[in-house]
Structure formats: C-alpha cells, structure tokens
PDB file of N, CA and C in Angstrom:
ATOM      1  N   MET A   1     -22.814  71.436 132.377  1.00  0.00           N
ATOM      2  CA  MET A   1     -22.464  70.260 132.316  1.00  0.00           C
ATOM      3  C   MET A   1     -23.831  70.044 131.330  1.00  0.00           C
ATOM      4  N   ARG A   2     -25.105  69.823 131.896  1.00  0.00           N
ATOM      5  CA  ARG A   2     -26.380  69.398 131.528  1.00  0.00           C
ATOM      6  C   ARG A   2     -26.541  69.693 129.864  1.00  0.00           C
ATOM      7  N   GLN A   3     -26.124  70.603 129.544  1.00  0.00           N
ATOM      8  CA  GLN A   3     -26.147  71.757 128.301  1.00  0.00           C
ATOM      9  C   GLN A   3     -25.472  71.120 127.263  1.00  0.00           C
ATOM     10  N   THR A   4     -24.438  70.645 127.539  1.00  0.00           N
ATOM     11  CA  THR A   4     -22.968  70.204 126.761  1.00  0.00           C
ATOM     12  C   THR A   4     -23.336  68.358 126.601  1.00  0.00           C
ATOM     13  N   VAL A   5     -24.084  67.507 127.355  1.00  0.00           N
ATOM     14  CA  VAL A   5     -25.047  66.313 127.622  1.00  0.00           C
ATOM     15  C   VAL A   5     -25.697  66.874 126.226  1.00  0.00           C
ATOM     16  N   THR A   6     -26.253  67.601 126.260  1.00  0.00           N
ATOM     17  CA  THR A   6     -28.117  67.839 125.260  1.00  0.00           C
ATOM     18  C   THR A   6     -27.190  68.133 124.581  1.00  0.00           C
ATOM     19  N   ASN A   7     -26.687  68.759 124.218  1.00  0.00           N
ATOM     20  CA  ASN A   7     -25.243  69.064 122.360  1.00  0.00           C
ATOM     21  C   ASN A   7     -24.862  67.843 122.118  1.00  0.00           C
ATOM     22  N   ILE A   8     -24.467  67.382 123.084  1.00  0.00           N
ATOM     23  CA  ILE A   8     -23.519  66.193 121.419  1.00  0.00           C
ATOM     24  C   ILE A   8     -24.828  65.290 122.151  1.00  0.00           C
ATOM     25  N   TRP A   9     -26.389  65.157 122.870  1.00  0.00           N
ATOM     26  CA  TRP A   9     -26.559  64.168 122.325  1.00  0.00           C
ATOM     27  C   TRP A   9     -27.865  64.409 120.938  1.00  0.00           C
ATOM     28  N   ARG A  10     -28.001  65.838 120.488  1.00  0.00           N
ATOM     29  CA  ARG A  10     -28.423  65.878 119.504  1.00  0.00           C
ATOM     30  C   ARG A  10     -27.388  66.307 118.476  1.00  0.00           C
ATOM     31  N   PHE A  11     -25.825  66.215 118.388  1.00  0.00           N
ATOM     32  CA  PHE A  11     -25.351  66.034 117.213  1.00  0.00           C
ATOM     33  C   PHE A  11     -24.926  64.884 117.289  1.00  0.00           C
ATOM     34  N   TYR A  12     -25.513  64.154 117.233  1.00  0.00           N
ATOM     35  CA  TYR A  12     -25.700  62.424 117.640  1.00  0.00           C
ATOM     36  C   TYR A  12     -26.825  61.943 116.560  1.00  0.00           C
ATOM     37  N   ARG A  13     -27.773  62.694 117.922  1.00  0.00           N
ATOM     38  CA  ARG A  13     -28.707  62.337 116.799  1.00  0.00           C
ATOM     39  C   ARG A  13     -29.439  62.658 115.959  1.00  0.00           C
ATOM     40  N   ASP A  14     -28.410  63.721 115.432  1.00  0.00           N
ATOM     41  CA  ASP A  14     -29.272  64.267 114.419  1.00  0.00           C
ATOM     42  C   ASP A  14     -28.528  64.075 112.814  1.00  0.00           C
ATOM     43  N   GLY A  15     -26.879  63.317 113.716  1.00  0.00           N
ATOM     44  CA  GLY A  15     -26.098  62.876 112.310  1.00  0.00           C
ATOM     45  C   GLY A  15     -26.832  61.548 112.438  1.00  0.00           C
ATOM     46  N   PHE A  16     -27.295  60.544 113.083  1.00  0.00           N
ATOM     47  CA  PHE A  16     -28.085  59.710 112.619  1.00  0.00           C
ATOM     48  C   PHE A  16     -29.564  59.410 111.585  1.00  0.00           C
ATOM     49  N   ARG A  17     -30.014  60.539 111.388  1.00  0.00           N
ATOM     50  CA  ARG A  17     -31.042  60.563 111.589  1.00  0.00           C
ATOM     51  C   ARG A  17     -30.540  61.298 109.969  1.00  0.00           C
ATOM     52  N   ALA A  18     -29.720  62.084 108.921  1.00  0.00           N
ATOM     53  CA  ALA A  18     -28.981  62.515 108.382  1.00  0.00           C
ATOM     54  C   ALA A  18     -28.267  61.721 107.067  1.00  0.00           C
ATOM     55  N   MET A  19     -27.971  60.047 107.473  1.00  0.00           N
ATOM     56  CA  MET A  19     -26.984  58.936 107.564  1.00  0.00           C
ATOM     57  C   MET A  19     -27.922  58.844 106.026  1.00  0.00           C
ATOM     58  N   THR A  20     -26.981  59.020 105.121  1.00  0.00           N
ATOM     59  CA  THR A  20     -27.709  57.794 103.635  1.00  0.00           C
ATOM     60  C   THR A  20     -27.132  56.088 103.753  1.00  0.00           C
ATOM     61  N   TRP A  21     -26.097  56.467 103.448  1.00  0.00           N
ATOM     62  CA  TRP A  21     -25.421  55.024 103.063  1.00  0.00           C
ATOM     63  C   TRP A  21     -24.531  55.238 104.369  1.00  0.00           C
ATOM     64  N   GLY A  22     -24.536  55.971 105.137  1.00  0.00           N
ATOM     65  CA  GLY A  22     -24.422  55.511 106.688  1.00  0.00           C
ATOM     66  C   GLY A  22     -25.418  53.994 107.463  1.00  0.00           C
ATOM     67  N   ARG A  23     -25.945  54.458 107.618  1.00  0.00           N
ATOM     68  CA  ARG A  23     -26.872  53.040 108.383  1.00  0.00           C
ATOM     69  C   ARG A  23     -26.386  51.609 107.210  1.00  0.00           C
ATOM     70  N   THR A  24     -26.743  51.555 106.047  1.00  0.00           N
ATOM     71  CA  THR A  24     -26.250  50.544 105.795  1.00  0.00           C
ATOM     72  C   THR A  24     -24.294  49.882 106.080  1.00  0.00           C
ATOM     73  N   LEU A  25     -23.308  51.271 105.864  1.00  0.00           N
ATOM     74  CA  LEU A  25     -22.578  50.352 106.981  1.00  0.00           C
ATOM     75  C   LEU A  25     -22.422  50.507 108.410  1.00  0.00           C
ATOM     76  N   TRP A  26     -23.080  50.765 109.009  1.00  0.00           N
ATOM     77  CA  TRP A  26     -23.615  50.518 110.406  1.00  0.00           C
ATOM     78  C   TRP A  26     -23.785  48.634 110.564  1.00  0.00           C
ATOM     79  N   PHE A  27     -24.884  48.584 109.592  1.00  0.00           N
ATOM     80  CA  PHE A  27     -26.036  46.997 109.415  1.00  0.00           C
ATOM     81  C   PHE A  27     -24.161  46.293 109.628  1.00  0.00           C
ATOM     82  N   ILE A  28     -23.693  46.712 108.478  1.00  0.00           N
ATOM     83  CA  ILE A  28     -22.692  45.528 108.057  1.00  0.00           C
ATOM     84  C   ILE A  28     -21.205  45.598 108.874  1.00  0.00           C
ATOM     85  N   ILE A  29     -21.091  45.732 109.596  1.00  0.00           N
ATOM     86  CA  ILE A  29     -20.476  46.522 111.155  1.00  0.00           C
ATOM     87  C   ILE A  29     -21.565  45.808 112.272  1.00  0.00           C
ATOM     88  N   LEU A  30     -22.393  46.072 113.127  1.00  0.00           N
ATOM     89  CA  LEU A  30     -23.249  45.165 113.479  1.00  0.00           C
ATOM     90  C   LEU A  30     -22.738  43.520 112.920  1.00  0.00           C
ATOM     91  N   LEU A  31     -23.492  43.022 111.929  1.00  0.00           N
ATOM     92  CA  LEU A  31     -23.702  41.599 111.657  1.00  0.00           C
ATOM     93  C   LEU A  31     -22.221  41.218 111.373  1.00  0.00           C
ATOM     94  N   LYS A  32     -20.970  42.211 111.305  1.00  0.00           N
ATOM     95  CA  LYS A  32     -19.588  41.683 111.217  1.00  0.00           C
ATOM     96  C   LYS A  32     -19.523  40.948 112.105  1.00  0.00           C
ATOM     97  N   LEU A  33     -19.719  42.241 113.628  1.00  0.00           N
ATOM     98  CA  LEU A  33     -18.787  42.145 114.920  1.00  0.00           C
ATOM     99  C   LEU A  33     -20.502  41.215 116.006  1.00  0.00           C
ATOM    100  N   PHE A  34     -21.152  41.053 114.718  1.00  0.00           N
ATOM    101  CA  PHE A  34     -22.325  39.168 115.743  1.00  0.00           C
ATOM    102  C   PHE A  34     -21.989  38.023 115.466  1.00  0.00           C
ATOM    103  N   ILE A  35     -21.120  38.421 113.850  1.00  0.00           N
ATOM    104  CA  ILE A  35     -20.924  36.916 113.189  1.00  0.00           C
ATOM    105  C   ILE A  35     -19.568  36.126 114.332  1.00  0.00           C
ATOM    106  N   MET A  36     -18.350  37.052 114.613  1.00  0.00           N
ATOM    107  CA  MET A  36     -17.349  37.600 115.264  1.00  0.00           C
ATOM    108  C   MET A  36     -17.174  36.623 116.641  1.00  0.00           C
ATOM    109  N   PHE A  37     -18.173  37.265 117.388  1.00  0.00           N
ATOM    110  CA  PHE A  37     -18.054  37.155 119.083  1.00  0.00           C
ATOM    111  C   PHE A  37     -19.622  35.857 119.042  1.00  0.00           C
ATOM    112  N   VAL A  38     -20.404  35.811 118.145  1.00  0.00           N
ATOM    113  CA  VAL A  38     -21.564  34.963 118.453  1.00  0.00           C
ATOM    114  C   VAL A  38     -21.552  33.527 117.316  1.00  0.00           C
ATOM    115  N   ILE A  39     -21.335  33.979 115.783  1.00  0.00           N
ATOM    116  CA  ILE A  39     -21.451  32.728 115.435  1.00  0.00           C
ATOM    117  C   ILE A  39     -19.861  32.058 115.422  1.00  0.00           C
ATOM    118  N   LEU A  40     -18.750  33.053 115.351  1.00  0.00           N
ATOM    119  CA  LEU A  40     -17.720  31.850 116.106  1.00  0.00           C
ATOM    120  C   LEU A  40     -16.951  30.763 117.521  1.00  0.00           C
ATOM    121  N   LYS A  41     -17.578  32.067 117.941  1.00  0.00           N
ATOM    122  CA  LYS A  41     -17.670  31.536 119.165  1.00  0.00           C
ATOM    123  C   LYS A  41     -17.860  30.425 119.263  1.00  0.00           C
ATOM    124  N   LEU A  42     -19.079  30.170 119.054  1.00  0.00           N
ATOM    125  CA  LEU A  42     -19.113  28.832 119.287  1.00  0.00           C
ATOM    126  C   LEU A  42     -19.147  27.252 118.346  1.00  0.00           C
ATOM    127  N   PHE A  43     -18.905  27.893 117.306  1.00  0.00           N
ATOM    128  CA  PHE A  43     -18.405  26.910 116.654  1.00  0.00           C
ATOM    129  C   PHE A  43     -16.813  26.870 117.147  1.00  0.00           C
ATOM    130  N   PHE A  44     -16.144  27.946 117.266  1.00  0.00           N
ATOM    131  CA  PHE A  44     -14.327  27.911 117.372  1.00  0.00           C
ATOM    132  C   PHE A  44     -13.608  28.130 118.534  1.00  0.00           C
ATOM    133  N   PHE A  45     -14.572  28.449 119.614  1.00  0.00           N
ATOM    134  CA  PHE A  45     -14.454  28.190 120.814  1.00  0.00           C
ATOM    135  C   PHE A  45     -14.575  27.434 122.261  1.00  0.00           C
ATOM    136  N   PRO A  46     -14.230  26.648 122.144  1.00  0.00           N
ATOM    137  CA  PRO A  46     -15.579  25.806 122.814  1.00  0.00           C
ATOM    138  C   PRO A  46     -14.821  25.584 124.597  1.00  0.00           C
ATOM    139  N   ASP A  47     -15.967  26.359 125.378  1.00  0.00           N
ATOM    140  CA  ASP A  47     -15.914  26.309 126.712  1.00  0.00           C
ATOM    141  C   ASP A  47     -15.303  25.094 127.613  1.00  0.00           C
ATOM    142  N   TYR A  48     -13.514  25.301 127.479  1.00  0.00           N
ATOM    143  CA  TYR A  48     -13.442  23.832 128.544  1.00  0.00           C
ATOM    144  C   TYR A  48     -13.068  24.001 129.613  1.00  0.00           C
ATOM    145  N   VAL A  49     -13.653  25.495 130.604  1.00  0.00           N
ATOM    146  CA  VAL A  49     -13.220  25.182 132.036  1.00  0.00           C
ATOM    147  C   VAL A  49     -14.375  24.612 132.471  1.00  0.00           C
ATOM    148  N   ASP A  50     -15.677  24.438 132.243  1.00  0.00           N
ATOM    149  CA  ASP A  50     -17.248  24.230 132.119  1.00  0.00           C
ATOM    150  C   ASP A  50     -17.129  22.202 131.760  1.00  0.00           C
ATOM    151  N   GLU A  51     -16.460  22.629 130.848  1.00  0.00           N
ATOM    152  CA  GLU A  51     -15.793  20.459 130.350  1.00  0.00           C
ATOM    153  C   GLU A  51     -15.019  20.073 130.713  1.00  0.00           C
ATOM    154  N   SER A  52     -13.722  20.153 131.313  1.00  0.00           N
ATOM    155  CA  SER A  52     -13.322  20.276 132.602  1.00  0.00           C
ATOM    156  C   SER A  52     -13.342  20.084 134.321  1.00  0.00           C
ATOM    157  N   SER A  53     -14.025  20.672 134.198  1.00  0.00           N
ATOM    158  CA  SER A  53     -13.852  21.354 135.813  1.00  0.00           C
ATOM    159  C   SER A  53     -14.669  20.012 136.698  1.00  0.00           C
ATOM    160  N   GLY A  54     -16.107  19.690 135.844  1.00  0.00           N
ATOM    161  CA  GLY A  54     -16.450  18.606 137.149  1.00  0.00           C
ATOM    162  C   GLY A  54     -16.746  19.102 138.258  1.00  0.00           C
ATOM    163  N   ALA A  55     -16.042  18.581 139.292  1.00  0.00           N
ATOM    164  CA  ALA A  55     -16.450  18.143 141.273  1.00  0.00           C
ATOM    165  C   ALA A  55     -15.621  20.036 141.029  1.00  0.00           C
ATOM    166  N   LEU A  56     -14.805  20.056 140.806  1.00  0.00           N
ATOM    167  CA  LEU A  56     -14.010  21.056 141.462  1.00  0.00           C
ATOM    168  C   LEU A  56     -14.468  22.609 140.807  1.00  0.00           C
ATOM    169  N   GLY A  57     -14.313  23.386 141.207  1.00  0.00           N
ATOM    170  CA  GLY A  57     -15.030  25.070 140.796  1.00  0.00           C
ATOM    171  C   GLY A  57     -13.741  25.273 139.644  1.00  0.00           C
ATOM    172  N   ALA A  58     -13.545  26.243 139.054  1.00  0.00           N
ATOM    173  CA  ALA A  58     -13.542  26.797 137.660  1.00  0.00           C
ATOM    174  C   ALA A  58     -12.252  27.355 138.123  1.00  0.00           C
ATOM    175  N   GLU A  59     -12.276  27.822 139.182  1.00  0.00           N
ATOM    176  CA  GLU A  59     -10.443  28.583 140.359  1.00  0.00           C
ATOM    177  C   GLU A  59      -9.474  27.656 140.020  1.00  0.00           C
ATOM    178  N   GLU A  60     -10.368  26.341 140.578  1.00  0.00           N
ATOM    179  CA  GLU A  60      -9.423  25.255 141.097  1.00  0.00           C
ATOM    180  C   GLU A  60      -8.797  24.488 139.641  1.00  0.00           C
ATOM    181  N   PHE A  61      -9.553  24.083 138.816  1.00  0.00           N
ATOM    182  CA  PHE A  61     -10.258  23.929 138.000  1.00  0.00           C
ATOM    183  C   PHE A  61      -8.198  25.105 136.312  1.00  0.00           C
ATOM    184  N   VAL A  62      -8.749  26.323 136.425  1.00  0.00           N
ATOM    185  CA  VAL A  62      -7.164  27.090 136.130  1.00  0.00           C
ATOM    186  C   VAL A  62      -6.656  27.774 136.920  1.00  0.00           C
ATOM    187  N   SER A  63      -6.213  27.097 138.200  1.00  0.00           N
ATOM    188  CA  SER A  63      -4.728  27.107 138.352  1.00  0.00           C
ATOM    189  C   SER A  63      -4.500  26.065 138.718  1.00  0.00           C
ATOM    190  N   ARG A  64      -5.301  24.906 138.953  1.00  0.00           N
ATOM    191  CA  ARG A  64      -4.380  23.442 138.420  1.00  0.00           C
ATOM    192  C   ARG A  64      -3.253  23.332 137.114  1.00  0.00           C
ATOM    193  N   GLU A  65      -4.604  23.729 135.601  1.00  0.00           N
ATOM    194  CA  GLU A  65      -3.874  24.471 134.580  1.00  0.00           C
ATOM    195  C   GLU A  65      -2.670  24.487 134.711  1.00  0.00           C
ATOM    196  N   LEU A  66      -2.377  26.022 135.110  1.00  0.00           N
ATOM    197  CA  LEU A  66      -2.126  27.268 135.354  1.00  0.00           C
ATOM    198  C   LEU A  66      -0.434  26.412 135.347  1.00  0.00           C
ATOM    199  N   ILE A  67      -0.471  25.535 137.138  1.00  0.00           N
ATOM    200  CA  ILE A  67       0.374  25.238 138.061  1.00  0.00           C
ATOM    201  C   ILE A  67       1.136  24.275 137.255  1.00  0.00           C
ATOM    202  N   GLU A  68       0.472  23.017 136.222  1.00  0.00           N
ATOM    203  CA  GLU A  68       0.679  22.151 135.553  1.00  0.00           C
ATOM    204  C   GLU A  68       1.566  22.379 134.114  1.00  0.00           C
ATOM    205  N   ARG A  69       1.116  23.225 133.362  1.00  0.00           N
ATOM    206  CA  ARG A  69       1.673  23.951 132.117  1.00  0.00           C
ATOM    207  C   ARG A  69       3.249  24.621 132.779  1.00  0.00           C
ATOM    208  N   MET A  70       3.276  25.035 134.051  1.00  0.00           N
ATOM    209  CA  MET A  70       4.511  26.011 133.937  1.00  0.00           C
ATOM    210  C   MET A  70       5.454  24.967 134.998  1.00  0.00           C
ATOM    211  N   ALA A  71       5.144  24.027 135.485  1.00  0.00           N
ATOM    212  CA  ALA A  71       6.432  23.245 136.189  1.00  0.00           C
ATOM    213  C   ALA A  71       7.002  22.714 135.254  1.00  0.00           C
ATOM    214  N   PRO A  72       8.312  22.270 135.365  1.00  0.00           N
ATOM    215  CA  PRO A  72       8.871  21.286 134.229  1.00  0.00           C
ATOM    216  C   PRO A  72       8.599  19.472 133.935  1.00  0.00           C
ATOM    217  N   VAL A  73       8.289  19.785 132.191  1.00  0.00           N
ATOM    218  CA  VAL A  73       8.487  17.975 132.277  1.00  0.00           C
ATOM    219  C   VAL A  73       9.875  17.657 132.660  1.00  0.00           C
ATOM    220  N   PRO A  74       9.274  16.089 133.975  1.00  0.00           N
ATOM    221  CA  PRO A  74      10.735  15.513 133.175  1.00  0.00           C
ATOM    222  C   PRO A  74      10.931  14.526 132.245  1.00  0.00           C
TER     223      PRO A  74
END
C-alpha cells in the first residue's frame, strides 16, 4: 500500500516538474477560482443570516424564514 502511494506521488511530482504550458494553465485555473469564490462572494452574495438574525441565533433565523416561506399568504 505504501509503495503504491509513493509511486502515485512520484508520478504527479515528476509530471508537474516537466510541465511547460501546464503551469500557466494551472495559474489561470487558480486565478479564476479565486475570483469566483472570493471576489464574487464579497460583492454579490451578502451574508443575510448575520445581518438579519440580530439577537436570534442563526438557527432560529433560518427556521423562521423557512416556515414563513412555506406558509400560504392570505
């Protein structure tokens, strides 16, 4: 088992060392992930639970919101 893990590690290590275009592509992929998960979250997905829960706990806030959305409005 240990030998298999070692062989897999060496395979990936040697592959990443021999890359030419791969490093540039990995940089672009990581940059896009950073933009999607960090930058966009900060500007387009505000944290409504923290803002609205106030004295209530987050669990209470989510529970109340779910119940209000499920209840028919007269």
